[in-house]
Amino acid sequence: MALLRGLFWFALFIVFTFCFVVLFEYGPRDFANGVRKEYVRVKSFVVKQTEEIGKTKKSH
């Protein structure tokens, strides 16, 4: 149960951190559009990093 609670708090921390970054970068007026833009940026970063990890594992 403690693991589940810990995962919940970690996920909540990630969500609030994402919202803070969007508010800081785009402001409250353009929040919805900022969320879309930041989501695309985070998604492309994660995809790029996982591709690099895949390439390094294949080369070994």
C-alpha atoms as a PDB file:
ATOM      1  CA  MET A   1       0.000   0.000   0.000  1.00  0.00           C
ATOM      2  CA  ALA A   2       2.882   2.339   0.737  1.00  0.00           C
ATOM      3  CA  LEU A   3       4.275   1.725  -2.747  1.00  0.00           C
ATOM      4  CA  LEU A   4       0.949   2.669  -4.307  1.00  0.00           C
ATOM      5  CA  ARG A   5       0.772   5.832  -2.228  1.00  0.00           C
ATOM      6  CA  GLY A   6       4.347   6.701  -3.172  1.00  0.00           C
ATOM      7  CA  LEU A   7       3.607   6.225  -6.880  1.00  0.00           C
ATOM      8  CA  PHE A   8       0.515   8.420  -6.548  1.00  0.00           C
ATOM      9  CA  TRP A   9       2.498  11.246  -4.942  1.00  0.00           C
ATOM     10  CA  PHE A  10       5.263  10.937  -7.534  1.00  0.00           C
ATOM     11  CA  ALA A  11       2.723  11.100 -10.394  1.00  0.00           C
ATOM     12  CA  LEU A  12       1.058  14.092  -8.768  1.00  0.00           C
ATOM     13  CA  PHE A  13       4.447  15.791  -8.441  1.00  0.00           C
ATOM     14  CA  ILE A  14       5.148  15.217 -12.150  1.00  0.00           C
ATOM     15  CA  VAL A  15       1.747  16.633 -13.161  1.00  0.00           C
ATOM     16  CA  PHE A  16       2.118  19.735 -10.999  1.00  0.00           C
ATOM     17  CA  THR A  17       5.676  20.284 -12.210  1.00  0.00           C
ATOM     18  CA  PHE A  18       4.482  20.060 -15.811  1.00  0.00           C
ATOM     19  CA  CYS A  19       1.696  22.565 -15.098  1.00  0.00           C
ATOM     20  CA  PHE A  20       4.156  24.929 -13.407  1.00  0.00           C
ATOM     21  CA  VAL A  21       6.499  24.803 -16.406  1.00  0.00           C
ATOM     22  CA  VAL A  22       3.619  25.504 -18.787  1.00  0.00           C
ATOM     23  CA  LEU A  23       2.404  28.427 -16.670  1.00  0.00           C
ATOM     24  CA  PHE A  24       5.922  29.824 -16.402  1.00  0.00           C
ATOM     25  CA  GLU A  25       6.637  29.516 -20.138  1.00  0.00           C
ATOM     26  CA  TYR A  26       3.271  30.467 -21.659  1.00  0.00           C
ATOM     27  CA  GLY A  27       1.313  32.226 -18.918  1.00  0.00           C
ATOM     28  CA  PRO A  28      -2.287  31.641 -17.840  1.00  0.00           C
ATOM     29  CA  ARG A  29      -3.846  33.126 -20.988  1.00  0.00           C
ATOM     30  CA  ASP A  30      -2.328  30.540 -23.323  1.00  0.00           C
ATOM     31  CA  PHE A  31      -2.356  27.589 -20.936  1.00  0.00           C
ATOM     32  CA  ALA A  32      -4.238  25.078 -23.127  1.00  0.00           C
ATOM     33  CA  ASN A  33      -2.089  25.797 -26.161  1.00  0.00           C
ATOM     34  CA  GLY A  34       1.026  25.708 -23.965  1.00  0.00           C
ATOM     35  CA  VAL A  35       0.085  22.292 -22.613  1.00  0.00           C
ATOM     36  CA  ARG A  36      -0.144  20.961 -26.172  1.00  0.00           C
ATOM     37  CA  LYS A  37       3.212  22.464 -27.142  1.00  0.00           C
ATOM     38  CA  GLU A  38       5.011  21.227 -24.021  1.00  0.00           C
ATOM     39  CA  TYR A  39       3.476  17.766 -24.376  1.00  0.00           C
ATOM     40  CA  VAL A  40       4.863  17.528 -27.915  1.00  0.00           C
ATOM     41  CA  ARG A  41       8.281  18.708 -26.684  1.00  0.00           C
ATOM     42  CA  VAL A  42       8.358  16.192 -23.813  1.00  0.00           C
ATOM     43  CA  LYS A  43       7.122  13.373 -26.038  1.00  0.00           C
ATOM     44  CA  SER A  44       9.757  14.053 -28.709  1.00  0.00           C
ATOM     45  CA  PHE A  45      12.463  14.222 -26.024  1.00  0.00           C
ATOM     46  CA  VAL A  46      11.431  10.864 -24.558  1.00  0.00           C
ATOM     47  CA  VAL A  47      11.260   9.232 -27.990  1.00  0.00           C
ATOM     48  CA  LYS A  48      14.689  10.595 -28.896  1.00  0.00           C
ATOM     49  CA  GLN A  49      16.217   9.342 -25.644  1.00  0.00           C
ATOM     50  CA  THR A  50      14.705   5.875 -25.990  1.00  0.00           C
ATOM     51  CA  GLU A  51      15.979   5.620 -29.570  1.00  0.00           C
ATOM     52  CA  GLU A  52      19.490   6.485 -28.383  1.00  0.00           C
ATOM     53  CA  ILE A  53      19.288   3.865 -25.646  1.00  0.00           C
ATOM     54  CA  GLY A  54      18.144   1.298 -28.216  1.00  0.00           C
ATOM     55  CA  LYS A  55      21.049   2.151 -30.504  1.00  0.00           C
ATOM     56  CA  THR A  56      23.635   1.808 -27.734  1.00  0.00           C
ATOM     57  CA  LYS A  57      22.243  -1.553 -26.630  1.00  0.00           C
ATOM     58  CA  LYS A  58      22.292  -2.886 -30.204  1.00  0.00           C
ATOM     59  CA  SER A  59      25.910  -1.834 -30.716  1.00  0.00           C
ATOM     60  CA  HIS A  60      27.132  -3.806 -27.678  1.00  0.00           C
END
